[in-house]
Amino acid sequence: MAKKPPLSTTALTAKALGQGKQHATRALKRRNDAIETRQAALVARTQHLGAVALVAAPLPPAQLAALGSPTSAGVLVAEGDSWFDYPLHDVLTLLEDAHGYEVESVAHRGDQVESMAYREGQLDDFIRRIDKVLRRGLIPHAILLSGGGNDIAGSEFYMLLDDARSAAPGLNAAVVDGVINQRIRLAYVAILSAVTRVCEQRLQRTIPILVHGYDYPVPDGRGFLGGWGPLPGPWLAPGFAAKGYGSLAVRKQLVKDLIDRFNEMLARVAALPAFASHVRYVDLRGTLPTGADYREWWSNELHPSPGGFARVAERFAQVLAPAAL
């Protein structure tokens, strides 16, 4: 039997858009069923204990005041990777603490964008956070998505490189294109389609969705806390070493090329007709220095330092400003 010809980029994009909508429809059905179950439980509890038992006691004024003003710059709902879920400091904690936003997040360090796009449970958790915000009578100011770094770093990174001693050293153009411009791209199309459909169903309109590319890291072999802990690393240097790349300058240039290709892909996705009205691409390139003082801005190969994350959060805050949205 003859093989079917591969689908065109346009056809694959349309298929991913449809998959995202279908994923959202299934997840919304599960969440709506869960809401009915919850409501039935509340009714039963009221009948058993009385309505008073369902009302939480208010905090004393002094305790309430110690938590700060109840006002905020707006509510953000986020899904993502370690740039949104990093120990002690990340983009989301700084948007809360330094910029006054309230954040509801299902981000988890180590997640790949394919997992976010295709695993049923992750979208369910995301919708649960949306529902919690809406039950408080609030509409999210924006949705933030961060992903793709784990799809190209770590063990995956080795496969993107041709050996330094080969006839064609450097990034393998065909492999990089397949990973970034097909695998990751289609995952982004699917998850953006799903999140857009969720907003349309829950709010009867879209709300801004921010996606971001990464800045240029320095592949110097540093991992988290020296290669220990919840996300040890290093993520880039081992692949470079295995393929014979010893020069840091050469490594930096190859990573720069890779990050540029990732950012270019993401900008094109955000500009698709299905997303152009409400998806904003945040270009973070050049936010963090990579010169002699790069260790001040980068804690390790993939993650900014506290000061670096502050710069990244400031860039997000600029895009989140009402005038910018």
C-alpha atoms as a PDB file:
ATOM      1  CA  MET A   1       0.000   0.000   0.000  1.00  0.00           C
ATOM      2  CA  ALA A   2       1.388   3.365  -1.037  1.00  0.00           C
ATOM      3  CA  LYS A   3       2.131   5.823   1.755  1.00  0.00           C
ATOM      4  CA  LYS A   4      -0.030   8.909   1.961  1.00  0.00           C
ATOM      5  CA  PRO A   5       1.841  12.091   1.059  1.00  0.00           C
ATOM      6  CA  PRO A   6       2.733  14.243   4.066  1.00  0.00           C
ATOM      7  CA  LEU A   7       0.340  17.038   4.931  1.00  0.00           C
ATOM      8  CA  SER A   8       1.320  20.580   4.060  1.00  0.00           C
ATOM      9  CA  THR A   9       2.153  23.103   6.778  1.00  0.00           C
ATOM     10  CA  THR A  10      -1.233  24.762   6.221  1.00  0.00           C
ATOM     11  CA  ALA A  11      -3.060  21.442   6.548  1.00  0.00           C
ATOM     12  CA  LEU A  12      -1.105  20.485   9.676  1.00  0.00           C
ATOM     13  CA  THR A  13      -1.879  23.870  11.225  1.00  0.00           C
ATOM     14  CA  ALA A  14      -5.588  23.440  10.521  1.00  0.00           C
ATOM     15  CA  LYS A  15      -5.475  19.948  12.027  1.00  0.00           C
ATOM     16  CA  ALA A  16      -3.730  21.231  15.186  1.00  0.00           C
ATOM     17  CA  LEU A  17      -6.306  24.022  15.513  1.00  0.00           C
ATOM     18  CA  GLY A  18      -9.071  21.439  15.354  1.00  0.00           C
ATOM     19  CA  GLN A  19      -7.335  19.157  17.845  1.00  0.00           C
ATOM     20  CA  GLY A  20      -7.025  22.043  20.291  1.00  0.00           C
ATOM     21  CA  LYS A  21     -10.730  22.838  20.040  1.00  0.00           C
ATOM     22  CA  GLN A  22     -11.655  19.179  20.515  1.00  0.00           C
ATOM     23  CA  HIS A  23      -9.322  18.926  23.518  1.00  0.00           C
ATOM     24  CA  ALA A  24     -11.006  21.984  25.034  1.00  0.00           C
ATOM     25  CA  THR A  25     -14.482  20.577  24.419  1.00  0.00           C
ATOM     26  CA  ARG A  26     -13.632  17.331  26.222  1.00  0.00           C
ATOM     27  CA  ALA A  27     -11.964  19.147  29.125  1.00  0.00           C
ATOM     28  CA  LEU A  28     -14.865  21.595  29.498  1.00  0.00           C
ATOM     29  CA  LYS A  29     -17.308  18.681  29.593  1.00  0.00           C
ATOM     30  CA  ARG A  30     -15.337  17.074  32.419  1.00  0.00           C
ATOM     31  CA  ARG A  31     -15.120  20.359  34.308  1.00  0.00           C
ATOM     32  CA  ASN A  32     -18.842  21.059  33.870  1.00  0.00           C
ATOM     33  CA  ASP A  33     -19.641  17.601  35.230  1.00  0.00           C
ATOM     34  CA  ALA A  34     -17.313  18.280  38.186  1.00  0.00           C
ATOM     35  CA  ILE A  35     -19.039  21.612  38.853  1.00  0.00           C
ATOM     36  CA  GLU A  36     -22.422  19.859  38.948  1.00  0.00           C
ATOM     37  CA  THR A  37     -21.011  17.322  41.418  1.00  0.00           C
ATOM     38  CA  ARG A  38     -19.611  20.120  43.563  1.00  0.00           C
ATOM     39  CA  GLN A  39     -22.888  21.998  43.531  1.00  0.00           C
ATOM     40  CA  ALA A  40     -24.795  18.887  44.551  1.00  0.00           C
ATOM     41  CA  ALA A  41     -22.363  18.353  47.421  1.00  0.00           C
ATOM     42  CA  LEU A  42     -22.878  21.930  48.618  1.00  0.00           C
ATOM     43  CA  VAL A  43     -26.653  21.545  48.473  1.00  0.00           C
ATOM     44  CA  ALA A  44     -26.472  18.311  50.467  1.00  0.00           C
ATOM     45  CA  ARG A  45     -24.167  19.915  53.024  1.00  0.00           C
ATOM     46  CA  THR A  46     -26.482  22.898  53.407  1.00  0.00           C
ATOM     47  CA  GLN A  47     -29.454  20.620  54.009  1.00  0.00           C
ATOM     48  CA  HIS A  48     -27.489  18.706  56.619  1.00  0.00           C
ATOM     49  CA  LEU A  49     -25.681  21.507  58.455  1.00  0.00           C
ATOM     50  CA  GLY A  50     -27.461  24.691  57.433  1.00  0.00           C
ATOM     51  CA  ALA A  51     -26.264  27.584  55.297  1.00  0.00           C
ATOM     52  CA  VAL A  52     -24.264  29.144  58.131  1.00  0.00           C
ATOM     53  CA  ALA A  53     -21.871  26.190  58.132  1.00  0.00           C
ATOM     54  CA  LEU A  54     -20.815  27.025  54.574  1.00  0.00           C
ATOM     55  CA  VAL A  55     -19.743  30.593  55.333  1.00  0.00           C
ATOM     56  CA  ALA A  56     -16.076  30.989  56.271  1.00  0.00           C
ATOM     57  CA  ALA A  57     -15.395  33.128  59.314  1.00  0.00           C
ATOM     58  CA  PRO A  58     -13.787  36.460  58.353  1.00  0.00           C
ATOM     59  CA  LEU A  59     -10.218  37.213  59.376  1.00  0.00           C
ATOM     60  CA  PRO A  60      -9.773  39.736  62.172  1.00  0.00           C
ATOM     61  CA  PRO A  61      -8.951  43.207  60.729  1.00  0.00           C
ATOM     62  CA  ALA A  62      -5.367  43.204  62.052  1.00  0.00           C
ATOM     63  CA  GLN A  63      -4.571  39.871  60.362  1.00  0.00           C
ATOM     64  CA  LEU A  64      -6.257  40.985  57.162  1.00  0.00           C
ATOM     65  CA  ALA A  65      -4.264  44.239  57.103  1.00  0.00           C
ATOM     66  CA  ALA A  66      -0.996  42.325  57.543  1.00  0.00           C
ATOM     67  CA  LEU A  67      -1.621  40.567  54.217  1.00  0.00           C
ATOM     68  CA  GLY A  68      -1.616  43.857  52.300  1.00  0.00           C
ATOM     69  CA  SER A  69      -4.194  45.611  50.171  1.00  0.00           C
ATOM     70  CA  PRO A  70      -6.879  43.393  48.593  1.00  0.00           C
ATOM     71  CA  THR A  71      -6.591  45.427  45.397  1.00  0.00           C
ATOM     72  CA  SER A  72      -4.349  44.186  42.585  1.00  0.00           C
ATOM     73  CA  ALA A  73      -3.168  45.064  39.104  1.00  0.00           C
ATOM     74  CA  GLY A  74      -5.296  42.195  37.793  1.00  0.00           C
ATOM     75  CA  VAL A  75      -5.516  38.424  37.827  1.00  0.00           C
ATOM     76  CA  LEU A  76      -3.247  36.348  35.602  1.00  0.00           C
ATOM     77  CA  VAL A  77      -3.717  32.638  34.865  1.00  0.00           C
ATOM     78  CA  ALA A  78      -0.542  30.819  33.861  1.00  0.00           C
ATOM     79  CA  GLU A  79       0.665  27.514  32.452  1.00  0.00           C
ATOM     80  CA  GLY A  80       4.300  26.831  31.826  1.00  0.00           C
ATOM     81  CA  ASP A  81       7.719  25.487  32.686  1.00  0.00           C
ATOM     82  CA  SER A  82      10.518  26.440  35.084  1.00  0.00           C
ATOM     83  CA  TRP A  83      10.609  30.089  34.008  1.00  0.00           C
ATOM     84  CA  PHE A  84       7.189  30.212  35.697  1.00  0.00           C
ATOM     85  CA  ASP A  85       8.006  27.652  38.436  1.00  0.00           C
ATOM     86  CA  TYR A  86      11.530  28.144  39.735  1.00  0.00           C
ATOM     87  CA  PRO A  87      12.591  27.808  43.375  1.00  0.00           C
ATOM     88  CA  LEU A  88      12.248  31.096  45.300  1.00  0.00           C
ATOM     89  CA  HIS A  89      12.107  33.413  42.294  1.00  0.00           C
ATOM     90  CA  ASP A  90      10.572  33.249  38.829  1.00  0.00           C
ATOM     91  CA  VAL A  91       8.546  35.395  36.444  1.00  0.00           C
ATOM     92  CA  LEU A  92       5.229  34.766  38.207  1.00  0.00           C
ATOM     93  CA  THR A  93       6.386  35.439  41.765  1.00  0.00           C
ATOM     94  CA  LEU A  94       7.885  38.727  40.618  1.00  0.00           C
ATOM     95  CA  LEU A  95       4.735  39.725  38.729  1.00  0.00           C
ATOM     96  CA  GLU A  96       2.909  39.226  42.033  1.00  0.00           C
ATOM     97  CA  ASP A  97       5.437  40.731  44.444  1.00  0.00           C
ATOM     98  CA  ALA A  98       6.995  43.492  42.352  1.00  0.00           C
ATOM     99  CA  HIS A  99       4.117  44.408  40.033  1.00  0.00           C
ATOM    100  CA  GLY A 100       0.968  43.773  42.063  1.00  0.00           C
ATOM    101  CA  TYR A 101      -0.734  41.046  40.049  1.00  0.00           C
ATOM    102  CA  GLU A 102      -2.613  38.067  41.466  1.00  0.00           C
ATOM    103  CA  VAL A 103      -1.480  34.853  39.776  1.00  0.00           C
ATOM    104  CA  GLU A 104      -3.259  31.515  39.461  1.00  0.00           C
ATOM    105  CA  SER A 105      -0.769  29.015  38.068  1.00  0.00           C
ATOM    106  CA  VAL A 106      -0.567  25.399  36.966  1.00  0.00           C
ATOM    107  CA  ALA A 107       3.025  25.801  35.744  1.00  0.00           C
ATOM    108  CA  HIS A 108       5.427  23.011  36.620  1.00  0.00           C
ATOM    109  CA  ARG A 109       9.188  22.957  36.156  1.00  0.00           C
ATOM    110  CA  GLY A 110      10.328  20.393  33.599  1.00  0.00           C
ATOM    111  CA  ASP A 111       7.094  20.345  31.598  1.00  0.00           C
ATOM    112  CA  GLN A 112       7.360  20.158  27.843  1.00  0.00           C
ATOM    113  CA  VAL A 113       4.999  22.137  25.636  1.00  0.00           C
ATOM    114  CA  GLU A 114       3.831  18.872  24.063  1.00  0.00           C
ATOM    115  CA  SER A 115       2.658  17.721  27.498  1.00  0.00           C
ATOM    116  CA  MET A 116       0.800  20.974  28.022  1.00  0.00           C
ATOM    117  CA  ALA A 117      -0.853  20.647  24.622  1.00  0.00           C
ATOM    118  CA  TYR A 118      -1.837  16.990  24.585  1.00  0.00           C
ATOM    119  CA  ARG A 119      -2.186  15.635  28.139  1.00  0.00           C
ATOM    120  CA  GLU A 120      -5.831  15.756  29.096  1.00  0.00           C
ATOM    121  CA  GLY A 121      -5.328  16.444  32.798  1.00  0.00           C
ATOM    122  CA  GLN A 122      -3.221  19.571  32.348  1.00  0.00           C
ATOM    123  CA  LEU A 123      -5.946  21.485  30.524  1.00  0.00           C
ATOM    124  CA  ASP A 124      -8.465  20.363  33.153  1.00  0.00           C
ATOM    125  CA  ASP A 125      -6.292  21.891  35.886  1.00  0.00           C
ATOM    126  CA  PHE A 126      -5.978  25.081  33.862  1.00  0.00           C
ATOM    127  CA  ILE A 127      -9.768  25.379  33.454  1.00  0.00           C
ATOM    128  CA  ARG A 128     -10.181  24.741  37.195  1.00  0.00           C
ATOM    129  CA  ARG A 129      -8.031  27.826  37.879  1.00  0.00           C
ATOM    130  CA  ILE A 130     -10.064  29.881  35.395  1.00  0.00           C
ATOM    131  CA  ASP A 131     -13.269  28.756  37.114  1.00  0.00           C
ATOM    132  CA  LYS A 132     -11.942  29.751  40.548  1.00  0.00           C
ATOM    133  CA  VAL A 133     -11.213  33.257  39.283  1.00  0.00           C
ATOM    134  CA  LEU A 134     -14.642  33.564  37.679  1.00  0.00           C
ATOM    135  CA  ARG A 135     -16.387  32.366  40.869  1.00  0.00           C
ATOM    136  CA  ARG A 136     -14.789  35.327  42.640  1.00  0.00           C
ATOM    137  CA  GLY A 137     -16.557  37.577  40.143  1.00  0.00           C
ATOM    138  CA  LEU A 138     -13.316  38.446  38.319  1.00  0.00           C
ATOM    139  CA  ILE A 139     -12.208  38.226  34.701  1.00  0.00           C
ATOM    140  CA  PRO A 140      -8.539  37.372  34.139  1.00  0.00           C
ATOM    141  CA  HIS A 141      -6.482  40.260  32.843  1.00  0.00           C
ATOM    142  CA  ALA A 142      -4.445  37.872  30.705  1.00  0.00           C
ATOM    143  CA  ILE A 143      -3.252  34.292  30.311  1.00  0.00           C
ATOM    144  CA  LEU A 144       0.482  33.539  30.267  1.00  0.00           C
ATOM    145  CA  LEU A 145       2.026  30.518  28.531  1.00  0.00           C
ATOM    146  CA  SER A 146       5.678  29.491  28.813  1.00  0.00           C
ATOM    147  CA  GLY A 147       7.054  26.406  27.126  1.00  0.00           C
ATOM    148  CA  GLY A 148       9.437  24.874  24.640  1.00  0.00           C
ATOM    149  CA  GLY A 149      12.742  25.040  26.488  1.00  0.00           C
ATOM    150  CA  ASN A 150      12.430  21.506  27.825  1.00  0.00           C
ATOM    151  CA  ASP A 151      11.586  20.275  24.324  1.00  0.00           C
ATOM    152  CA  ILE A 152      14.993  21.288  22.992  1.00  0.00           C
ATOM    153  CA  ALA A 153      17.325  21.244  26.029  1.00  0.00           C
ATOM    154  CA  GLY A 154      18.619  18.329  28.090  1.00  0.00           C
ATOM    155  CA  SER A 155      18.790  14.927  26.424  1.00  0.00           C
ATOM    156  CA  GLU A 156      16.958  16.306  23.379  1.00  0.00           C
ATOM    157  CA  PHE A 157      19.658  18.884  22.692  1.00  0.00           C
ATOM    158  CA  TYR A 158      22.268  16.283  21.679  1.00  0.00           C
ATOM    159  CA  MET A 159      20.142  15.272  18.685  1.00  0.00           C
ATOM    160  CA  LEU A 160      20.048  18.818  17.303  1.00  0.00           C
ATOM    161  CA  LEU A 161      23.814  18.905  16.745  1.00  0.00           C
ATOM    162  CA  ASP A 162      26.007  17.378  14.056  1.00  0.00           C
ATOM    163  CA  ASP A 163      29.458  16.417  15.275  1.00  0.00           C
ATOM    164  CA  ALA A 164      32.038  19.212  15.231  1.00  0.00           C
ATOM    165  CA  ARG A 165      34.355  16.894  13.274  1.00  0.00           C
ATOM    166  CA  SER A 166      31.795  16.048  10.591  1.00  0.00           C
ATOM    167  CA  ALA A 167      31.553  17.466   7.079  1.00  0.00           C
ATOM    168  CA  ALA A 168      28.629  19.656   8.189  1.00  0.00           C
ATOM    169  CA  PRO A 169      29.240  20.754  11.800  1.00  0.00           C
ATOM    170  CA  GLY A 170      26.767  22.855  13.739  1.00  0.00           C
ATOM    171  CA  LEU A 171      23.013  22.588  14.108  1.00  0.00           C
ATOM    172  CA  ASN A 172      21.421  19.915  11.953  1.00  0.00           C
ATOM    173  CA  ALA A 173      19.013  22.061   9.943  1.00  0.00           C
ATOM    174  CA  ALA A 174      16.598  19.239   9.138  1.00  0.00           C
ATOM    175  CA  VAL A 175      16.351  18.005  12.743  1.00  0.00           C
ATOM    176  CA  VAL A 176      16.010  21.538  14.139  1.00  0.00           C
ATOM    177  CA  ASP A 177      13.301  22.329  11.597  1.00  0.00           C
ATOM    178  CA  GLY A 178      11.403  19.175  12.497  1.00  0.00           C
ATOM    179  CA  VAL A 179      11.584  19.838  16.230  1.00  0.00           C
ATOM    180  CA  ILE A 180      10.902  23.583  16.234  1.00  0.00           C
ATOM    181  CA  ASN A 181       8.852  24.244  13.129  1.00  0.00           C
ATOM    182  CA  GLN A 182       6.765  21.105  13.289  1.00  0.00           C
ATOM    183  CA  ARG A 183       6.712  19.390  16.700  1.00  0.00           C
ATOM    184  CA  ILE A 184       6.843  22.450  18.973  1.00  0.00           C
ATOM    185  CA  ARG A 185       4.955  24.675  16.556  1.00  0.00           C
ATOM    186  CA  LEU A 186       2.018  22.295  16.264  1.00  0.00           C
ATOM    187  CA  ALA A 187       1.938  21.865  20.042  1.00  0.00           C
ATOM    188  CA  TYR A 188       1.725  25.641  20.450  1.00  0.00           C
ATOM    189  CA  VAL A 189      -1.028  25.874  17.845  1.00  0.00           C
ATOM    190  CA  ALA A 190      -2.980  23.152  19.658  1.00  0.00           C
ATOM    191  CA  ILE A 191      -2.633  24.629  23.155  1.00  0.00           C
ATOM    192  CA  LEU A 192      -3.417  28.169  21.987  1.00  0.00           C
ATOM    193  CA  SER A 193      -6.456  26.845  20.145  1.00  0.00           C
ATOM    194  CA  ALA A 194      -7.600  24.986  23.276  1.00  0.00           C
ATOM    195  CA  VAL A 195      -7.099  27.963  25.607  1.00  0.00           C
ATOM    196  CA  THR A 196      -8.837  30.279  23.146  1.00  0.00           C
ATOM    197  CA  ARG A 197     -11.848  27.941  23.009  1.00  0.00           C
ATOM    198  CA  VAL A 198     -11.965  27.717  26.819  1.00  0.00           C
ATOM    199  CA  CYS A 199     -12.087  31.525  27.072  1.00  0.00           C
ATOM    200  CA  GLU A 200     -14.757  31.736  24.400  1.00  0.00           C
ATOM    201  CA  GLN A 201     -16.912  29.185  26.228  1.00  0.00           C
ATOM    202  CA  ARG A 202     -16.397  30.540  29.740  1.00  0.00           C
ATOM    203  CA  LEU A 203     -16.359  34.279  28.939  1.00  0.00           C
ATOM    204  CA  GLN A 204     -18.059  34.495  25.532  1.00  0.00           C
ATOM    205  CA  ARG A 205     -14.983  36.339  24.298  1.00  0.00           C
ATOM    206  CA  THR A 206     -11.208  36.007  24.089  1.00  0.00           C
ATOM    207  CA  ILE A 207      -8.750  37.578  26.499  1.00  0.00           C
ATOM    208  CA  PRO A 208      -5.080  38.375  25.865  1.00  0.00           C
ATOM    209  CA  ILE A 209      -2.719  35.379  25.844  1.00  0.00           C
ATOM    210  CA  LEU A 210       0.997  36.085  26.217  1.00  0.00           C
ATOM    211  CA  VAL A 211       3.612  33.656  24.891  1.00  0.00           C
ATOM    212  CA  HIS A 212       7.348  34.244  25.117  1.00  0.00           C
ATOM    213  CA  GLY A 213      10.538  33.094  23.518  1.00  0.00           C
ATOM    214  CA  TYR A 214      13.657  32.695  25.620  1.00  0.00           C
ATOM    215  CA  ASP A 215      16.719  34.906  25.828  1.00  0.00           C
ATOM    216  CA  TYR A 216      20.199  33.743  24.791  1.00  0.00           C
ATOM    217  CA  PRO A 217      21.683  31.472  27.500  1.00  0.00           C
ATOM    218  CA  VAL A 218      25.368  30.782  28.067  1.00  0.00           C
ATOM    219  CA  PRO A 219      26.158  27.025  27.759  1.00  0.00           C
ATOM    220  CA  ASP A 220      28.941  27.001  30.336  1.00  0.00           C
ATOM    221  CA  GLY A 221      28.079  23.724  32.075  1.00  0.00           C
ATOM    222  CA  ARG A 222      26.435  25.198  35.181  1.00  0.00           C
ATOM    223  CA  GLY A 223      23.375  23.369  36.526  1.00  0.00           C
ATOM    224  CA  PHE A 224      20.971  24.152  39.338  1.00  0.00           C
ATOM    225  CA  LEU A 225      22.928  24.345  42.620  1.00  0.00           C
ATOM    226  CA  GLY A 226      25.908  22.750  40.919  1.00  0.00           C
ATOM    227  CA  GLY A 227      23.848  20.003  39.312  1.00  0.00           C
ATOM    228  CA  TRP A 228      21.711  18.998  42.294  1.00  0.00           C
ATOM    229  CA  GLY A 229      18.079  19.462  43.254  1.00  0.00           C
ATOM    230  CA  PRO A 230      14.678  19.571  41.523  1.00  0.00           C
ATOM    231  CA  LEU A 231      16.041  20.533  38.075  1.00  0.00           C
ATOM    232  CA  PRO A 232      19.744  19.637  38.182  1.00  0.00           C
ATOM    233  CA  GLY A 233      21.219  20.225  34.734  1.00  0.00           C
ATOM    234  CA  PRO A 234      23.432  21.149  33.012  1.00  0.00           C
ATOM    235  CA  TRP A 235      21.238  20.960  29.942  1.00  0.00           C
ATOM    236  CA  LEU A 236      23.442  22.141  27.059  1.00  0.00           C
ATOM    237  CA  ALA A 237      27.138  21.567  27.804  1.00  0.00           C
ATOM    238  CA  PRO A 238      26.942  17.729  27.868  1.00  0.00           C
ATOM    239  CA  GLY A 239      25.535  17.657  24.331  1.00  0.00           C
ATOM    240  CA  PHE A 240      28.175  20.077  23.117  1.00  0.00           C
ATOM    241  CA  ALA A 241      30.959  18.046  24.768  1.00  0.00           C
ATOM    242  CA  ALA A 242      29.688  14.787  23.316  1.00  0.00           C
ATOM    243  CA  LYS A 243      29.694  16.280  19.823  1.00  0.00           C
ATOM    244  CA  GLY A 244      33.168  17.823  20.170  1.00  0.00           C
ATOM    245  CA  TYR A 245      32.381  21.503  20.756  1.00  0.00           C
ATOM    246  CA  GLY A 246      34.807  22.879  23.363  1.00  0.00           C
ATOM    247  CA  SER A 247      34.847  26.592  22.555  1.00  0.00           C
ATOM    248  CA  LEU A 248      32.391  28.620  24.633  1.00  0.00           C
ATOM    249  CA  ALA A 249      32.213  31.253  21.891  1.00  0.00           C
ATOM    250  CA  VAL A 250      31.174  28.630  19.331  1.00  0.00           C
ATOM    251  CA  ARG A 251      28.659  27.144  21.756  1.00  0.00           C
ATOM    252  CA  LYS A 252      27.140  30.570  22.431  1.00  0.00           C
ATOM    253  CA  GLN A 253      26.719  31.269  18.718  1.00  0.00           C
ATOM    254  CA  LEU A 254      25.045  27.916  18.051  1.00  0.00           C
ATOM    255  CA  VAL A 255      22.652  28.418  20.970  1.00  0.00           C
ATOM    256  CA  LYS A 256      21.919  31.947  19.745  1.00  0.00           C
ATOM    257  CA  ASP A 257      20.998  30.550  16.321  1.00  0.00           C
ATOM    258  CA  LEU A 258      18.730  27.968  17.959  1.00  0.00           C
ATOM    259  CA  ILE A 259      16.990  30.534  20.180  1.00  0.00           C
ATOM    260  CA  ASP A 260      16.471  32.824  17.173  1.00  0.00           C
ATOM    261  CA  ARG A 261      14.769  30.008  15.269  1.00  0.00           C
ATOM    262  CA  PHE A 262      12.540  29.253  18.254  1.00  0.00           C
ATOM    263  CA  ASN A 263      11.546  32.908  18.622  1.00  0.00           C
ATOM    264  CA  GLU A 264      10.877  33.312  14.919  1.00  0.00           C
ATOM    265  CA  MET A 265       8.586  30.281  14.993  1.00  0.00           C
ATOM    266  CA  LEU A 266       6.673  31.573  18.001  1.00  0.00           C
ATOM    267  CA  ALA A 267       6.206  35.019  16.456  1.00  0.00           C
ATOM    268  CA  ARG A 268       4.729  33.383  13.353  1.00  0.00           C
ATOM    269  CA  VAL A 269       2.340  31.292  15.455  1.00  0.00           C
ATOM    270  CA  ALA A 270       1.116  34.362  17.341  1.00  0.00           C
ATOM    271  CA  ALA A 271       0.472  36.081  13.999  1.00  0.00           C
ATOM    272  CA  LEU A 272      -1.754  33.292  12.617  1.00  0.00           C
ATOM    273  CA  PRO A 273      -5.262  34.546  11.717  1.00  0.00           C
ATOM    274  CA  ALA A 274      -6.789  32.386  14.473  1.00  0.00           C
ATOM    275  CA  PHE A 275      -4.648  34.132  17.122  1.00  0.00           C
ATOM    276  CA  ALA A 276      -3.586  37.534  15.793  1.00  0.00           C
ATOM    277  CA  SER A 277      -6.353  39.449  17.600  1.00  0.00           C
ATOM    278  CA  HIS A 278      -5.541  38.249  21.122  1.00  0.00           C
ATOM    279  CA  VAL A 279      -2.180  36.401  21.300  1.00  0.00           C
ATOM    280  CA  ARG A 280       0.842  38.552  22.121  1.00  0.00           C
ATOM    281  CA  TYR A 281       4.390  37.322  21.501  1.00  0.00           C
ATOM    282  CA  VAL A 282       6.896  38.661  24.049  1.00  0.00           C
ATOM    283  CA  ASP A 283      10.417  38.906  22.640  1.00  0.00           C
ATOM    284  CA  LEU A 284      12.887  38.546  25.520  1.00  0.00           C
ATOM    285  CA  ARG A 285      16.066  38.447  23.444  1.00  0.00           C
ATOM    286  CA  GLY A 286      18.623  40.947  24.664  1.00  0.00           C
ATOM    287  CA  THR A 287      16.990  41.283  28.089  1.00  0.00           C
ATOM    288  CA  LEU A 288      19.813  39.462  29.872  1.00  0.00           C
ATOM    289  CA  PRO A 289      23.488  40.236  29.137  1.00  0.00           C
ATOM    290  CA  THR A 290      25.751  37.426  27.949  1.00  0.00           C
ATOM    291  CA  GLY A 291      29.045  39.301  28.203  1.00  0.00           C
ATOM    292  CA  ALA A 292      31.703  39.130  30.881  1.00  0.00           C
ATOM    293  CA  ASP A 293      29.185  39.737  33.691  1.00  0.00           C
ATOM    294  CA  TYR A 294      26.673  37.136  32.477  1.00  0.00           C
ATOM    295  CA  ARG A 295      26.776  35.194  35.761  1.00  0.00           C
ATOM    296  CA  GLU A 296      25.117  38.198  37.410  1.00  0.00           C
ATOM    297  CA  TRP A 297      22.091  37.648  35.186  1.00  0.00           C
ATOM    298  CA  TRP A 298      22.113  33.873  34.655  1.00  0.00           C
ATOM    299  CA  SER A 299      22.034  31.436  37.599  1.00  0.00           C
ATOM    300  CA  ASN A 300      22.846  28.517  35.300  1.00  0.00           C
ATOM    301  CA  GLU A 301      22.614  27.442  31.680  1.00  0.00           C
ATOM    302  CA  LEU A 302      18.841  27.854  31.371  1.00  0.00           C
ATOM    303  CA  HIS A 303      17.557  30.040  34.190  1.00  0.00           C
ATOM    304  CA  PRO A 304      18.018  33.714  35.052  1.00  0.00           C
ATOM    305  CA  SER A 305      19.346  34.888  38.405  1.00  0.00           C
ATOM    306  CA  PRO A 306      17.008  36.765  40.774  1.00  0.00           C
ATOM    307  CA  GLY A 307      18.083  40.002  39.087  1.00  0.00           C
ATOM    308  CA  GLY A 308      17.653  38.385  35.687  1.00  0.00           C
ATOM    309  CA  PHE A 309      14.139  37.201  36.469  1.00  0.00           C
ATOM    310  CA  ALA A 310      13.355  40.746  37.658  1.00  0.00           C
ATOM    311  CA  ARG A 311      14.326  42.065  34.225  1.00  0.00           C
ATOM    312  CA  VAL A 312      12.191  39.423  32.498  1.00  0.00           C
ATOM    313  CA  ALA A 313       9.199  40.179  34.745  1.00  0.00           C
ATOM    314  CA  GLU A 314       9.588  43.894  33.971  1.00  0.00           C
ATOM    315  CA  ARG A 315       9.346  43.088  30.269  1.00  0.00           C
ATOM    316  CA  PHE A 316       6.154  41.121  30.893  1.00  0.00           C
ATOM    317  CA  ALA A 317       4.748  43.986  32.970  1.00  0.00           C
ATOM    318  CA  GLN A 318       5.338  46.365  30.071  1.00  0.00           C
ATOM    319  CA  VAL A 319       3.350  44.140  27.721  1.00  0.00           C
ATOM    320  CA  LEU A 320       0.628  43.581  30.350  1.00  0.00           C
ATOM    321  CA  ALA A 321       0.049  47.305  30.841  1.00  0.00           C
ATOM    322  CA  PRO A 322      -3.534  48.161  29.791  1.00  0.00           C
ATOM    323  CA  ALA A 323      -2.299  50.517  27.083  1.00  0.00           C
ATOM    324  CA  ALA A 324      -0.139  47.747  25.588  1.00  0.00           C
ATOM    325  CA  LEU A 325      -2.903  45.116  25.551  1.00  0.00           C
END
